[in-house]
Amino acid sequence: MSKMLLSLFNFNAAKQFLDILQFSFNDSSIEGNLFSHSSNPLLNMCLLYELLLNIIKKFFSLNNVCKTLMNKIIQMSI
């Protein structure tokens, strides 16, 4: 599924998407949390992790931002 989503992104769109994700990850409130409105937050974390891996493969210059978000996903899932 994340490979299908990857075709929607060019470099600028991926960068904007990551900026929005960073803002959502840093919001500590329940309403602002990215995964709190999901029926299966662990599955969404896995899918987002896979999407970030694919973004790294396509746009390697976004590696640092993606790795930071991936580490936050791992911490949240634990």
Protein backbone atom coordinates (compact mmCIF):
# COMPACT_ATOMS: atom_id res chain seq x y z
CA MET A 1 0.00 0.00 0.00
CA SER A 2 2.78 2.43 0.82
CA LYS A 3 4.35 1.79 -2.59
CA MET A 4 1.10 2.96 -4.20
CA LEU A 5 1.14 6.09 -2.03
CA LEU A 6 4.75 6.81 -2.93
CA SER A 7 3.85 7.57 -6.53
CA LEU A 8 1.84 10.57 -5.30
CA PHE A 9 4.92 12.31 -3.94
CA ASN A 10 7.46 14.46 -5.66
CA PHE A 11 10.31 15.89 -3.59
CA ASN A 12 8.50 19.06 -2.48
CA ALA A 13 5.33 17.19 -1.57
CA ALA A 14 7.31 14.64 0.45
CA LYS A 15 9.12 17.43 2.29
CA GLN A 16 5.81 19.16 3.13
CA PHE A 17 4.33 15.84 4.26
CA LEU A 18 7.28 15.26 6.60
CA ASP A 19 6.95 18.78 8.02
CA ILE A 20 3.29 18.11 8.83
CA LEU A 21 4.21 14.77 10.41
CA GLN A 22 6.89 16.38 12.57
CA PHE A 23 4.36 18.87 13.86
CA SER A 24 1.88 16.08 14.63
CA PHE A 25 4.48 13.96 16.39
CA ASN A 26 5.54 16.84 18.62
CA ASP A 27 1.95 17.56 19.72
CA SER A 28 1.59 15.87 23.10
CA SER A 29 -2.16 16.34 23.50
CA ILE A 30 -4.56 13.46 22.97
CA GLU A 31 -6.49 15.36 20.28
CA GLY A 32 -3.35 16.26 18.38
CA ASN A 33 -1.73 12.85 18.54
CA LEU A 34 -1.44 11.31 15.11
CA PHE A 35 -2.49 7.81 16.16
CA SER A 36 -5.10 8.45 18.86
CA HIS A 37 -8.08 8.55 16.47
CA SER A 38 -7.37 5.17 14.92
CA SER A 39 -9.02 1.88 15.74
CA ASN A 40 -5.66 0.12 15.29
CA PRO A 41 -2.82 2.55 16.04
CA LEU A 42 -0.09 -0.09 15.92
CA LEU A 43 -1.02 -1.02 12.35
CA ASN A 44 -0.95 2.65 11.36
CA MET A 45 2.48 3.02 12.94
CA CYS A 46 3.76 0.07 10.92
CA LEU A 47 2.32 1.43 7.68
CA LEU A 48 3.77 4.88 8.32
CA TYR A 49 7.14 3.32 9.13
CA GLU A 50 7.05 1.45 5.81
CA LEU A 51 6.07 4.64 3.95
CA LEU A 52 9.00 6.48 5.52
CA LEU A 53 11.36 3.69 4.42
CA ASN A 54 10.08 4.03 0.86
CA ILE A 55 10.46 7.81 0.97
CA ILE A 56 14.10 7.31 1.97
CA LYS A 57 14.61 4.98 -0.99
CA LYS A 58 13.11 7.50 -3.40
CA PHE A 59 14.47 10.74 -1.89
CA PHE A 60 17.67 9.98 0.01
CA SER A 61 18.19 13.63 0.93
CA LEU A 62 15.19 13.34 3.29
CA ASN A 63 16.96 10.55 5.16
CA ASN A 64 17.61 12.49 8.39
CA VAL A 65 14.04 13.68 8.79
CA CYS A 66 12.62 10.24 8.04
CA LYS A 67 15.01 8.49 10.44
CA THR A 68 14.02 10.91 13.22
CA LEU A 69 10.33 10.18 12.64
CA MET A 70 11.00 6.46 12.43
CA ASN A 71 12.75 6.53 15.81
CA LYS A 72 9.76 8.35 17.30
CA ILE A 73 7.43 5.72 15.85
CA ILE A 74 9.50 2.97 17.45
CA GLN A 75 9.42 4.73 20.82
CA MET A 76 5.65 5.23 20.59
CA SER A 77 5.02 1.61 19.64
CA ILE A 78 7.03 0.29 22.57
